[in-house]
Amino acid sequence: MNCLKLLKKSVIDSQLYVSFMGTFFAVFFMMEQNTFRFPSVLLIFITYFSGYLYTKYQKTKYFYKILLLNFVTGIISACLIIFNHNEIRLVKWFVIVVLGLLYNSFFLKLISGKSLY
């Protein structure tokens, strides 16, 4: 039983595992529609990874480091979109990121009735 707990803690709960699984899910639909593009896959992975880190470390002492990392990955993501897609995709991605940030911070605070900070 301890092996299963160790496996869950080290693999399934890891940021990379969650990000890869979300990205593979998106790749599955891309392949079904014949719209697979590597820059899109990289963008999806970066967005999943950054969002998961933001959510996981939101109330910890590492939050400002994670916020800085998310800012850098946001710039990388915006560059990926600008050089490989169009402006509409940049706006859609930005809206998704902002909604994710608001959901993690304010929505959870309103629903739970507790302060996150």
PDB file of N, CA and C in Angstrom:
ATOM      1  N   MET A   1       0.815  -1.194   0.000  1.00  0.00           N
ATOM      2  CA  MET A   1       0.000   0.000   0.000  1.00  0.00           C
ATOM      3  C   MET A   1       0.863   1.265   0.000  1.00  0.00           C
ATOM      4  N   ASN A   2       2.009   1.214   0.672  1.00  0.00           N
ATOM      5  CA  ASN A   2       2.888   2.380   0.701  1.00  0.00           C
ATOM      6  C   ASN A   2       3.454   2.691  -0.675  1.00  0.00           C
ATOM      7  N   CYS A   3       3.647   1.640  -1.488  1.00  0.00           N
ATOM      8  CA  CYS A   3       4.137   1.857  -2.848  1.00  0.00           C
ATOM      9  C   CYS A   3       3.128   2.663  -3.659  1.00  0.00           C
ATOM     10  N   LEU A   4       1.853   2.368  -3.474  1.00  0.00           N
ATOM     11  CA  LEU A   4       0.818   3.117  -4.198  1.00  0.00           C
ATOM     12  C   LEU A   4       0.768   4.568  -3.752  1.00  0.00           C
ATOM     13  N   LYS A   5       0.924   4.800  -2.456  1.00  0.00           N
ATOM     14  CA  LYS A   5       0.940   6.184  -1.959  1.00  0.00           C
ATOM     15  C   LYS A   5       2.150   6.934  -2.489  1.00  0.00           C
ATOM     16  N   LEU A   6       3.300   6.268  -2.512  1.00  0.00           N
ATOM     17  CA  LEU A   6       4.507   6.894  -3.037  1.00  0.00           C
ATOM     18  C   LEU A   6       4.363   7.188  -4.525  1.00  0.00           C
ATOM     19  N   LEU A   7       3.802   6.245  -5.264  1.00  0.00           N
ATOM     20  CA  LEU A   7       3.565   6.452  -6.695  1.00  0.00           C
ATOM     21  C   LEU A   7       2.613   7.619  -6.923  1.00  0.00           C
ATOM     22  N   LYS A   8       1.543   7.672  -6.161  1.00  0.00           N
ATOM     23  CA  LYS A   8       0.577   8.761  -6.301  1.00  0.00           C
ATOM     24  C   LYS A   8       1.221  10.099  -5.995  1.00  0.00           C
ATOM     25  N   LYS A   9       1.991  10.161  -4.918  1.00  0.00           N
ATOM     26  CA  LYS A   9       2.592  11.431  -4.507  1.00  0.00           C
ATOM     27  C   LYS A   9       3.674  11.889  -5.478  1.00  0.00           C
ATOM     28  N   SER A  10       4.488  10.953  -5.965  1.00  0.00           N
ATOM     29  CA  SER A  10       5.624  11.348  -6.797  1.00  0.00           C
ATOM     30  C   SER A  10       5.299  11.464  -8.277  1.00  0.00           C
ATOM     31  N   VAL A  11       4.299  10.747  -8.754  1.00  0.00           N
ATOM     32  CA  VAL A  11       4.012  10.775 -10.192  1.00  0.00           C
ATOM     33  C   VAL A  11       2.673  11.437 -10.490  1.00  0.00           C
ATOM     34  N   ILE A  12       1.610  10.894  -9.958  1.00  0.00           N
ATOM     35  CA  ILE A  12       0.273  11.351 -10.344  1.00  0.00           C
ATOM     36  C   ILE A  12      -0.010  12.761  -9.851  1.00  0.00           C
ATOM     37  N   ASP A  13       0.475  13.128  -8.686  1.00  0.00           N
ATOM     38  CA  ASP A  13       0.250  14.480  -8.171  1.00  0.00           C
ATOM     39  C   ASP A  13       1.284  15.489  -8.677  1.00  0.00           C
ATOM     40  N   SER A  14       2.214  15.063  -9.505  1.00  0.00           N
ATOM     41  CA  SER A  14       3.258  15.977  -9.963  1.00  0.00           C
ATOM     42  C   SER A  14       2.733  16.924 -11.033  1.00  0.00           C
ATOM     43  N   GLN A  15       3.338  18.073 -11.111  1.00  0.00           N
ATOM     44  CA  GLN A  15       2.944  19.088 -12.079  1.00  0.00           C
ATOM     45  C   GLN A  15       3.161  18.606 -13.507  1.00  0.00           C
ATOM     46  N   LEU A  16       4.265  17.893 -13.728  1.00  0.00           N
ATOM     47  CA  LEU A  16       4.558  17.425 -15.081  1.00  0.00           C
ATOM     48  C   LEU A  16       3.538  16.405 -15.555  1.00  0.00           C
ATOM     49  N   TYR A  17       3.161  15.491 -14.690  1.00  0.00           N
ATOM     50  CA  TYR A  17       2.176  14.465 -15.060  1.00  0.00           C
ATOM     51  C   TYR A  17       0.847  15.106 -15.446  1.00  0.00           C
ATOM     52  N   VAL A  18       0.365  16.002 -14.614  1.00  0.00           N
ATOM     53  CA  VAL A  18      -0.909  16.660 -14.885  1.00  0.00           C
ATOM     54  C   VAL A  18      -0.825  17.458 -16.186  1.00  0.00           C
ATOM     55  N   SER A  19       0.271  18.160 -16.394  1.00  0.00           N
ATOM     56  CA  SER A  19       0.434  18.962 -17.605  1.00  0.00           C
ATOM     57  C   SER A  19       0.523  18.086 -18.855  1.00  0.00           C
ATOM     58  N   PHE A  20       1.278  16.997 -18.766  1.00  0.00           N
ATOM     59  CA  PHE A  20       1.377  16.095 -19.914  1.00  0.00           C
ATOM     60  C   PHE A  20       0.039  15.447 -20.240  1.00  0.00           C
ATOM     61  N   MET A  21      -0.695  15.033 -19.232  1.00  0.00           N
ATOM     62  CA  MET A  21      -1.986  14.386 -19.494  1.00  0.00           C
ATOM     63  C   MET A  21      -2.970  15.360 -20.141  1.00  0.00           C
ATOM     64  N   GLY A  22      -3.013  16.595 -19.665  1.00  0.00           N
ATOM     65  CA  GLY A  22      -3.866  17.606 -20.286  1.00  0.00           C
ATOM     66  C   GLY A  22      -3.451  17.892 -21.715  1.00  0.00           C
ATOM     67  N   THR A  23      -2.148  17.951 -21.938  1.00  0.00           N
ATOM     68  CA  THR A  23      -1.636  18.209 -23.282  1.00  0.00           C
ATOM     69  C   THR A  23      -1.930  17.033 -24.211  1.00  0.00           C
ATOM     70  N   PHE A  24      -1.741  15.808 -23.721  1.00  0.00           N
ATOM     71  CA  PHE A  24      -2.042  14.639 -24.544  1.00  0.00           C
ATOM     72  C   PHE A  24      -3.524  14.568 -24.893  1.00  0.00           C
ATOM     73  N   PHE A  25      -4.365  14.998 -23.983  1.00  0.00           N
ATOM     74  CA  PHE A  25      -5.800  15.047 -24.254  1.00  0.00           C
ATOM     75  C   PHE A  25      -6.082  16.010 -25.406  1.00  0.00           C
ATOM     76  N   ALA A  26      -5.430  17.170 -25.377  1.00  0.00           N
ATOM     77  CA  ALA A  26      -5.602  18.139 -26.463  1.00  0.00           C
ATOM     78  C   ALA A  26      -5.031  17.607 -27.771  1.00  0.00           C
ATOM     79  N   VAL A  27      -3.881  16.927 -27.698  1.00  0.00           N
ATOM     80  CA  VAL A  27      -3.271  16.357 -28.905  1.00  0.00           C
ATOM     81  C   VAL A  27      -4.192  15.320 -29.533  1.00  0.00           C
ATOM     82  N   PHE A  28      -4.872  14.538 -28.707  1.00  0.00           N
ATOM     83  CA  PHE A  28      -5.816  13.557 -29.223  1.00  0.00           C
ATOM     84  C   PHE A  28      -6.856  14.236 -30.116  1.00  0.00           C
ATOM     85  N   PHE A  29      -7.425  15.335 -29.656  1.00  0.00           N
ATOM     86  CA  PHE A  29      -8.427  16.034 -30.458  1.00  0.00           C
ATOM     87  C   PHE A  29      -7.807  16.715 -31.670  1.00  0.00           C
ATOM     88  N   MET A  30      -6.574  17.184 -31.538  1.00  0.00           N
ATOM     89  CA  MET A  30      -5.891  17.770 -32.699  1.00  0.00           C
ATOM     90  C   MET A  30      -5.682  16.720 -33.787  1.00  0.00           C
ATOM     91  N   MET A  31      -5.285  15.530 -33.376  1.00  0.00           N
ATOM     92  CA  MET A  31      -5.050  14.451 -34.342  1.00  0.00           C
ATOM     93  C   MET A  31      -6.367  14.018 -35.003  1.00  0.00           C
ATOM     94  N   GLU A  32      -7.442  14.018 -34.235  1.00  0.00           N
ATOM     95  CA  GLU A  32      -8.746  13.657 -34.791  1.00  0.00           C
ATOM     96  C   GLU A  32      -9.193  14.637 -35.870  1.00  0.00           C
ATOM     97  N   GLN A  33      -8.830  15.904 -35.703  1.00  0.00           N
ATOM     98  CA  GLN A  33      -9.254  16.935 -36.646  1.00  0.00           C
ATOM     99  C   GLN A  33      -8.165  17.282 -37.656  1.00  0.00           C
ATOM    100  N   ASN A  34      -7.054  16.559 -37.615  1.00  0.00           N
ATOM    101  CA  ASN A  34      -5.912  16.818 -38.506  1.00  0.00           C
ATOM    102  C   ASN A  34      -5.425  18.260 -38.404  1.00  0.00           C
ATOM    103  N   THR A  35      -5.350  18.775 -37.191  1.00  0.00           N
ATOM    104  CA  THR A  35      -4.878  20.149 -36.978  1.00  0.00           C
ATOM    105  C   THR A  35      -3.652  20.192 -36.076  1.00  0.00           C
ATOM    106  N   PHE A  36      -2.896  19.102 -36.011  1.00  0.00           N
ATOM    107  CA  PHE A  36      -1.738  19.031 -35.134  1.00  0.00           C
ATOM    108  C   PHE A  36      -0.651  19.999 -35.590  1.00  0.00           C
ATOM    109  N   ARG A  37      -0.209  20.832 -34.655  1.00  0.00           N
ATOM    110  CA  ARG A  37       0.915  21.738 -34.885  1.00  0.00           C
ATOM    111  C   ARG A  37       1.726  21.779 -33.597  1.00  0.00           C
ATOM    112  N   PHE A  38       3.038  21.587 -33.712  1.00  0.00           N
ATOM    113  CA  PHE A  38       3.885  21.536 -32.526  1.00  0.00           C
ATOM    114  C   PHE A  38       3.827  22.817 -31.698  1.00  0.00           C
ATOM    115  N   PRO A  39       3.846  24.027 -32.310  1.00  0.00           N
ATOM    116  CA  PRO A  39       3.746  25.236 -31.487  1.00  0.00           C
ATOM    117  C   PRO A  39       2.472  25.277 -30.637  1.00  0.00           C
ATOM    118  N   SER A  40       1.386  24.744 -31.170  1.00  0.00           N
ATOM    119  CA  SER A  40       0.138  24.695 -30.398  1.00  0.00           C
ATOM    120  C   SER A  40       0.267  23.745 -29.216  1.00  0.00           C
ATOM    121  N   VAL A  41       0.915  22.610 -29.438  1.00  0.00           N
ATOM    122  CA  VAL A  41       1.118  21.635 -28.360  1.00  0.00           C
ATOM    123  C   VAL A  41       1.995  22.237 -27.268  1.00  0.00           C
ATOM    124  N   LEU A  42       3.060  22.899 -27.666  1.00  0.00           N
ATOM    125  CA  LEU A  42       3.946  23.546 -26.693  1.00  0.00           C
ATOM    126  C   LEU A  42       3.195  24.626 -25.915  1.00  0.00           C
ATOM    127  N   LEU A  43       2.389  25.394 -26.595  1.00  0.00           N
ATOM    128  CA  LEU A  43       1.590  26.429 -25.941  1.00  0.00           C
ATOM    129  C   LEU A  43       0.623  25.820 -24.925  1.00  0.00           C
ATOM    130  N   ILE A  44      -0.028  24.745 -25.289  1.00  0.00           N
ATOM    131  CA  ILE A  44      -0.966  24.087 -24.378  1.00  0.00           C
ATOM    132  C   ILE A  44      -0.230  23.550 -23.154  1.00  0.00           C
ATOM    133  N   PHE A  45       0.932  22.919 -23.372  1.00  0.00           N
ATOM    134  CA  PHE A  45       1.695  22.390 -22.244  1.00  0.00           C
ATOM    135  C   PHE A  45       2.134  23.505 -21.294  1.00  0.00           C
ATOM    136  N   ILE A  46       2.663  24.576 -21.841  1.00  0.00           N
ATOM    137  CA  ILE A  46       3.114  25.697 -21.005  1.00  0.00           C
ATOM    138  C   ILE A  46       1.950  26.277 -20.214  1.00  0.00           C
ATOM    139  N   THR A  47       0.804  26.406 -20.841  1.00  0.00           N
ATOM    140  CA  THR A  47      -0.360  26.969 -20.165  1.00  0.00           C
ATOM    141  C   THR A  47      -0.839  26.046 -19.042  1.00  0.00           C
ATOM    142  N   TYR A  48      -0.910  24.749 -19.306  1.00  0.00           N
ATOM    143  CA  TYR A  48      -1.287  23.789 -18.265  1.00  0.00           C
ATOM    144  C   TYR A  48      -0.294  23.832 -17.102  1.00  0.00           C
ATOM    145  N   PHE A  49       0.986  23.774 -17.437  1.00  0.00           N
ATOM    146  CA  PHE A  49       2.027  23.717 -16.408  1.00  0.00           C
ATOM    147  C   PHE A  49       2.009  24.970 -15.537  1.00  0.00           C
ATOM    148  N   SER A  50       1.950  26.127 -16.161  1.00  0.00           N
ATOM    149  CA  SER A  50       1.928  27.389 -15.414  1.00  0.00           C
ATOM    150  C   SER A  50       0.670  27.510 -14.561  1.00  0.00           C
ATOM    151  N   GLY A  51      -0.465  27.137 -15.123  1.00  0.00           N
ATOM    152  CA  GLY A  51      -1.714  27.209 -14.377  1.00  0.00           C
ATOM    153  C   GLY A  51      -1.725  26.275 -13.185  1.00  0.00           C
ATOM    154  N   TYR A  52      -1.188  25.076 -13.367  1.00  0.00           N
ATOM    155  CA  TYR A  52      -1.147  24.117 -12.259  1.00  0.00           C
ATOM    156  C   TYR A  52      -0.228  24.620 -11.147  1.00  0.00           C
ATOM    157  N   LEU A  53       0.930  25.158 -11.519  1.00  0.00           N
ATOM    158  CA  LEU A  53       1.841  25.705 -10.506  1.00  0.00           C
ATOM    159  C   LEU A  53       1.186  26.859  -9.756  1.00  0.00           C
ATOM    160  N   TYR A  54       0.508  27.729 -10.500  1.00  0.00           N
ATOM    161  CA  TYR A  54      -0.159  28.870  -9.878  1.00  0.00           C
ATOM    162  C   TYR A  54      -1.199  28.400  -8.869  1.00  0.00           C
ATOM    163  N   THR A  55      -1.976  27.393  -9.254  1.00  0.00           N
ATOM    164  CA  THR A  55      -3.015  26.886  -8.361  1.00  0.00           C
ATOM    165  C   THR A  55      -2.419  26.179  -7.149  1.00  0.00           C
ATOM    166  N   LYS A  56      -1.430  25.353  -7.376  1.00  0.00           N
ATOM    167  CA  LYS A  56      -0.864  24.548  -6.300  1.00  0.00           C
ATOM    168  C   LYS A  56      -0.126  25.385  -5.258  1.00  0.00           C
ATOM    169  N   TYR A  57       0.589  26.397  -5.701  1.00  0.00           N
ATOM    170  CA  TYR A  57       1.424  27.173  -4.790  1.00  0.00           C
ATOM    171  C   TYR A  57       0.850  28.542  -4.462  1.00  0.00           C
ATOM    172  N   GLN A  58      -0.444  28.704  -4.649  1.00  0.00           N
ATOM    173  CA  GLN A  58      -1.070  30.012  -4.472  1.00  0.00           C
ATOM    174  C   GLN A  58      -0.961  30.535  -3.038  1.00  0.00           C
ATOM    175  N   LYS A  59      -1.065  29.682  -2.067  1.00  0.00           N
ATOM    176  CA  LYS A  59      -1.057  30.134  -0.674  1.00  0.00           C
ATOM    177  C   LYS A  59       0.226  29.741   0.051  1.00  0.00           C
ATOM    178  N   THR A  60       1.333  29.659  -0.678  1.00  0.00           N
ATOM    179  CA  THR A  60       2.592  29.252  -0.069  1.00  0.00           C
ATOM    180  C   THR A  60       3.614  30.372  -0.157  1.00  0.00           C
ATOM    181  N   LYS A  61       4.759  30.120   0.454  1.00  0.00           N
ATOM    182  CA  LYS A  61       5.830  31.118   0.426  1.00  0.00           C
ATOM    183  C   LYS A  61       6.481  31.206  -0.955  1.00  0.00           C
ATOM    184  N   TYR A  62       6.220  30.226  -1.827  1.00  0.00           N
ATOM    185  CA  TYR A  62       6.800  30.220  -3.172  1.00  0.00           C
ATOM    186  C   TYR A  62       5.958  30.983  -4.195  1.00  0.00           C
ATOM    187  N   PHE A  63       4.867  31.570  -3.752  1.00  0.00           N
ATOM    188  CA  PHE A  63       3.912  32.162  -4.683  1.00  0.00           C
ATOM    189  C   PHE A  63       4.545  33.226  -5.583  1.00  0.00           C
ATOM    190  N   TYR A  64       5.382  34.098  -5.036  1.00  0.00           N
ATOM    191  CA  TYR A  64       5.946  35.173  -5.860  1.00  0.00           C
ATOM    192  C   TYR A  64       6.947  34.639  -6.875  1.00  0.00           C
ATOM    193  N   LYS A  65       7.650  33.570  -6.536  1.00  0.00           N
ATOM    194  CA  LYS A  65       8.545  32.941  -7.509  1.00  0.00           C
ATOM    195  C   LYS A  65       7.736  32.294  -8.629  1.00  0.00           C
ATOM    196  N   ILE A  66       6.637  31.655  -8.265  1.00  0.00           N
ATOM    197  CA  ILE A  66       5.767  31.041  -9.266  1.00  0.00           C
ATOM    198  C   ILE A  66       5.131  32.112 -10.142  1.00  0.00           C
ATOM    199  N   LEU A  67       4.755  33.223  -9.543  1.00  0.00           N
ATOM    200  CA  LEU A  67       4.179  34.331 -10.305  1.00  0.00           C
ATOM    201  C   LEU A  67       5.192  34.871 -11.318  1.00  0.00           C
ATOM    202  N   LEU A  68       6.449  34.986 -10.915  1.00  0.00           N
ATOM    203  CA  LEU A  68       7.497  35.430 -11.828  1.00  0.00           C
ATOM    204  C   LEU A  68       7.700  34.417 -12.959  1.00  0.00           C
ATOM    205  N   LEU A  69       7.711  33.126 -12.603  1.00  0.00           N
ATOM    206  CA  LEU A  69       7.826  32.080 -13.624  1.00  0.00           C
ATOM    207  C   LEU A  69       6.654  32.149 -14.594  1.00  0.00           C
ATOM    208  N   ASN A  70       5.449  32.372 -14.081  1.00  0.00           N
ATOM    209  CA  ASN A  70       4.273  32.480 -14.944  1.00  0.00           C
ATOM    210  C   ASN A  70       4.356  33.694 -15.854  1.00  0.00           C
ATOM    211  N   PHE A  71       4.922  34.767 -15.373  1.00  0.00           N
ATOM    212  CA  PHE A  71       5.100  35.957 -16.210  1.00  0.00           C
ATOM    213  C   PHE A  71       6.043  35.643 -17.374  1.00  0.00           C
ATOM    214  N   VAL A  72       7.142  34.955 -17.083  1.00  0.00           N
ATOM    215  CA  VAL A  72       8.108  34.593 -18.127  1.00  0.00           C
ATOM    216  C   VAL A  72       7.474  33.615 -19.120  1.00  0.00           C
ATOM    217  N   THR A  73       6.763  32.608 -18.611  1.00  0.00           N
ATOM    218  CA  THR A  73       6.118  31.658 -19.521  1.00  0.00           C
ATOM    219  C   THR A  73       4.994  32.324 -20.315  1.00  0.00           C
ATOM    220  N   GLY A  74       4.383  33.352 -19.743  1.00  0.00           N
ATOM    221  CA  GLY A  74       3.368  34.110 -20.473  1.00  0.00           C
ATOM    222  C   GLY A  74       3.973  34.840 -21.657  1.00  0.00           C
ATOM    223  N   ILE A  75       5.147  35.395 -21.469  1.00  0.00           N
ATOM    224  CA  ILE A  75       5.836  36.074 -22.570  1.00  0.00           C
ATOM    225  C   ILE A  75       6.230  35.064 -23.650  1.00  0.00           C
ATOM    226  N   ILE A  76       6.734  33.904 -23.224  1.00  0.00           N
ATOM    227  CA  ILE A  76       7.093  32.856 -24.182  1.00  0.00           C
ATOM    228  C   ILE A  76       5.854  32.396 -24.956  1.00  0.00           C
ATOM    229  N   SER A  77       4.756  32.209 -24.245  1.00  0.00           N
ATOM    230  CA  SER A  77       3.516  31.785 -24.886  1.00  0.00           C
ATOM    231  C   SER A  77       3.015  32.832 -25.877  1.00  0.00           C
ATOM    232  N   ALA A  78       3.071  34.096 -25.492  1.00  0.00           N
ATOM    233  CA  ALA A  78       2.632  35.167 -26.393  1.00  0.00           C
ATOM    234  C   ALA A  78       3.502  35.191 -27.652  1.00  0.00           C
ATOM    235  N   CYS A  79       4.805  34.981 -27.487  1.00  0.00           N
ATOM    236  CA  CYS A  79       5.694  34.925 -28.659  1.00  0.00           C
ATOM    237  C   CYS A  79       5.357  33.737 -29.552  1.00  0.00           C
ATOM    238  N   LEU A  80       5.077  32.584 -28.943  1.00  0.00           N
ATOM    239  CA  LEU A  80       4.671  31.413 -29.732  1.00  0.00           C
ATOM    240  C   LEU A  80       3.424  31.717 -30.553  1.00  0.00           C
ATOM    241  N   ILE A  81       2.487  32.392 -29.937  1.00  0.00           N
ATOM    242  CA  ILE A  81       1.245  32.708 -30.648  1.00  0.00           C
ATOM    243  C   ILE A  81       1.496  33.734 -31.747  1.00  0.00           C
ATOM    244  N   ILE A  82       2.233  34.770 -31.439  1.00  0.00           N
ATOM    245  CA  ILE A  82       2.488  35.838 -32.420  1.00  0.00           C
ATOM    246  C   ILE A  82       3.213  35.294 -33.648  1.00  0.00           C
ATOM    247  N   PHE A  83       4.203  34.416 -33.431  1.00  0.00           N
ATOM    248  CA  PHE A  83       4.988  33.920 -34.560  1.00  0.00           C
ATOM    249  C   PHE A  83       4.360  32.735 -35.288  1.00  0.00           C
ATOM    250  N   ASN A  84       3.401  32.050 -34.666  1.00  0.00           N
ATOM    251  CA  ASN A  84       2.851  30.851 -35.289  1.00  0.00           C
ATOM    252  C   ASN A  84       1.344  30.879 -35.522  1.00  0.00           C
ATOM    253  N   HIS A  85       0.674  31.879 -35.013  1.00  0.00           N
ATOM    254  CA  HIS A  85      -0.779  31.937 -35.139  1.00  0.00           C
ATOM    255  C   HIS A  85      -1.181  33.359 -35.492  1.00  0.00           C
ATOM    256  N   ASN A  86      -2.417  33.708 -35.199  1.00  0.00           N
ATOM    257  CA  ASN A  86      -2.891  35.051 -35.510  1.00  0.00           C
ATOM    258  C   ASN A  86      -3.283  35.792 -34.232  1.00  0.00           C
ATOM    259  N   GLU A  87      -3.689  37.040 -34.409  1.00  0.00           N
ATOM    260  CA  GLU A  87      -4.019  37.885 -33.260  1.00  0.00           C
ATOM    261  C   GLU A  87      -5.246  37.386 -32.511  1.00  0.00           C
ATOM    262  N   ILE A  88      -6.177  36.780 -33.236  1.00  0.00           N
ATOM    263  CA  ILE A  88      -7.396  36.262 -32.597  1.00  0.00           C
ATOM    264  C   ILE A  88      -7.027  35.188 -31.573  1.00  0.00           C
ATOM    265  N   ARG A  89      -6.111  34.313 -31.931  1.00  0.00           N
ATOM    266  CA  ARG A  89      -5.683  33.258 -31.006  1.00  0.00           C
ATOM    267  C   ARG A  89      -5.008  33.873 -29.780  1.00  0.00           C
ATOM    268  N   LEU A  90      -4.253  34.951 -29.977  1.00  0.00           N
ATOM    269  CA  LEU A  90      -3.605  35.632 -28.848  1.00  0.00           C
ATOM    270  C   LEU A  90      -4.654  36.177 -27.893  1.00  0.00           C
ATOM    271  N   VAL A  91      -5.694  36.793 -28.422  1.00  0.00           N
ATOM    272  CA  VAL A  91      -6.764  37.330 -27.581  1.00  0.00           C
ATOM    273  C   VAL A  91      -7.502  36.204 -26.854  1.00  0.00           C
ATOM    274  N   LYS A  92      -7.798  35.119 -27.561  1.00  0.00           N
ATOM    275  CA  LYS A  92      -8.484  33.985 -26.934  1.00  0.00           C
ATOM    276  C   LYS A  92      -7.634  33.382 -25.823  1.00  0.00           C
ATOM    277  N   TRP A  93      -6.353  33.205 -26.073  1.00  0.00           N
ATOM    278  CA  TRP A  93      -5.451  32.655 -25.061  1.00  0.00           C
ATOM    279  C   TRP A  93      -5.386  33.577 -23.849  1.00  0.00           C
ATOM    280  N   PHE A  94      -5.294  34.864 -24.085  1.00  0.00           N
ATOM    281  CA  PHE A  94      -5.219  35.831 -22.994  1.00  0.00           C
ATOM    282  C   PHE A  94      -6.483  35.784 -22.134  1.00  0.00           C
ATOM    283  N   VAL A  95      -7.640  35.693 -22.773  1.00  0.00           N
ATOM    284  CA  VAL A  95      -8.910  35.600 -22.029  1.00  0.00           C
ATOM    285  C   VAL A  95      -8.935  34.333 -21.181  1.00  0.00           C
ATOM    286  N   ILE A  96      -8.478  33.217 -21.740  1.00  0.00           N
ATOM    287  CA  ILE A  96      -8.439  31.960 -20.988  1.00  0.00           C
ATOM    288  C   ILE A  96      -7.520  32.091 -19.774  1.00  0.00           C
ATOM    289  N   VAL A  97      -6.364  32.697 -19.946  1.00  0.00           N
ATOM    290  CA  VAL A  97      -5.420  32.862 -18.834  1.00  0.00           C
ATOM    291  C   VAL A  97      -6.008  33.766 -17.757  1.00  0.00           C
ATOM    292  N   VAL A  98      -6.614  34.871 -18.149  1.00  0.00           N
ATOM    293  CA  VAL A  98      -7.215  35.784 -17.172  1.00  0.00           C
ATOM    294  C   VAL A  98      -8.357  35.099 -16.427  1.00  0.00           C
ATOM    295  N   LEU A  99      -9.194  34.369 -17.133  1.00  0.00           N
ATOM    296  CA  LEU A  99     -10.279  33.640 -16.465  1.00  0.00           C
ATOM    297  C   LEU A  99      -9.729  32.598 -15.491  1.00  0.00           C
ATOM    298  N   GLY A 100      -8.642  31.941 -15.865  1.00  0.00           N
ATOM    299  CA  GLY A 100      -8.010  30.984 -14.965  1.00  0.00           C
ATOM    300  C   GLY A 100      -7.475  31.644 -13.719  1.00  0.00           C
ATOM    301  N   LEU A 101      -6.856  32.805 -13.874  1.00  0.00           N
ATOM    302  CA  LEU A 101      -6.339  33.535 -12.709  1.00  0.00           C
ATOM    303  C   LEU A 101      -7.476  33.994 -11.802  1.00  0.00           C
ATOM    304  N   LEU A 102      -8.539  34.506 -12.397  1.00  0.00           N
ATOM    305  CA  LEU A 102      -9.681  34.950 -11.600  1.00  0.00           C
ATOM    306  C   LEU A 102     -10.372  33.780 -10.917  1.00  0.00           C
ATOM    307  N   TYR A 103     -10.485  32.674 -11.616  1.00  0.00           N
ATOM    308  CA  TYR A 103     -11.127  31.494 -11.042  1.00  0.00           C
ATOM    309  C   TYR A 103     -10.350  31.016  -9.816  1.00  0.00           C
ATOM    310  N   ASN A 104      -9.062  30.931  -9.952  1.00  0.00           N
ATOM    311  CA  ASN A 104      -8.246  30.432  -8.845  1.00  0.00           C
ATOM    312  C   ASN A 104      -8.284  31.367  -7.649  1.00  0.00           C
ATOM    313  N   SER A 105      -8.341  32.646  -7.859  1.00  0.00           N
ATOM    314  CA  SER A 105      -8.264  33.592  -6.759  1.00  0.00           C
ATOM    315  C   SER A 105      -9.628  33.988  -6.207  1.00  0.00           C
ATOM    316  N   PHE A 106     -10.410  34.623  -7.020  1.00  0.00           N
ATOM    317  CA  PHE A 106     -11.630  35.241  -6.529  1.00  0.00           C
ATOM    318  C   PHE A 106     -12.809  34.268  -6.456  1.00  0.00           C
ATOM    319  N   PHE A 107     -12.947  33.411  -7.457  1.00  0.00           N
ATOM    320  CA  PHE A 107     -14.077  32.496  -7.490  1.00  0.00           C
ATOM    321  C   PHE A 107     -14.049  31.548  -6.292  1.00  0.00           C
ATOM    322  N   LEU A 108     -12.878  31.001  -6.019  1.00  0.00           N
ATOM    323  CA  LEU A 108     -12.783  30.089  -4.886  1.00  0.00           C
ATOM    324  C   LEU A 108     -13.045  30.815  -3.571  1.00  0.00           C
ATOM    325  N   LYS A 109     -12.641  32.058  -3.493  1.00  0.00           N
ATOM    326  CA  LYS A 109     -12.882  32.845  -2.281  1.00  0.00           C
ATOM    327  C   LYS A 109     -14.378  33.081  -2.097  1.00  0.00           C
ATOM    328  N   LEU A 110     -15.074  33.390  -3.178  1.00  0.00           N
ATOM    329  CA  LEU A 110     -16.506  33.638  -3.089  1.00  0.00           C
ATOM    330  C   LEU A 110     -17.284  32.365  -2.763  1.00  0.00           C
ATOM    331  N   ILE A 111     -16.920  31.274  -3.392  1.00  0.00           N
ATOM    332  CA  ILE A 111     -17.647  30.018  -3.180  1.00  0.00           C
ATOM    333  C   ILE A 111     -17.425  29.478  -1.771  1.00  0.00           C
ATOM    334  N   SER A 112     -16.181  29.488  -1.321  1.00  0.00           N
ATOM    335  CA  SER A 112     -15.890  28.894  -0.020  1.00  0.00           C
ATOM    336  C   SER A 112     -16.240  29.833   1.125  1.00  0.00           C
ATOM    337  N   GLY A 113     -16.311  31.125   0.865  1.00  0.00           N
ATOM    338  CA  GLY A 113     -16.588  32.092   1.917  1.00  0.00           C
ATOM    339  C   GLY A 113     -15.403  32.341   2.820  1.00  0.00           C
ATOM    340  N   LYS A 114     -14.256  31.786   2.449  1.00  0.00           N
ATOM    341  CA  LYS A 114     -13.044  31.942   3.235  1.00  0.00           C
ATOM    342  C   LYS A 114     -12.066  32.800   2.478  1.00  0.00           C
ATOM    343  N   SER A 115     -11.225  33.478   3.189  1.00  0.00           N
ATOM    344  CA  SER A 115     -10.177  34.263   2.560  1.00  0.00           C
ATOM    345  C   SER A 115      -9.020  33.366   2.202  1.00  0.00           C
ATOM    346  N   LEU A 116      -8.476  33.549   0.994  1.00  0.00           N
ATOM    347  CA  LEU A 116      -7.332  32.752   0.572  1.00  0.00           C
ATOM    348  C   LEU A 116      -6.031  33.293   1.132  1.00  0.00           C
ATOM    349  N   TYR A 117      -6.050  34.510   1.623  1.00  0.00           N
ATOM    350  CA  TYR A 117      -4.794  35.116   2.092  1.00  0.00           C
ATOM    351  C   TYR A 117      -4.858  35.481   3.538  1.00  0.00           C
TER     352      TYR A 117
END
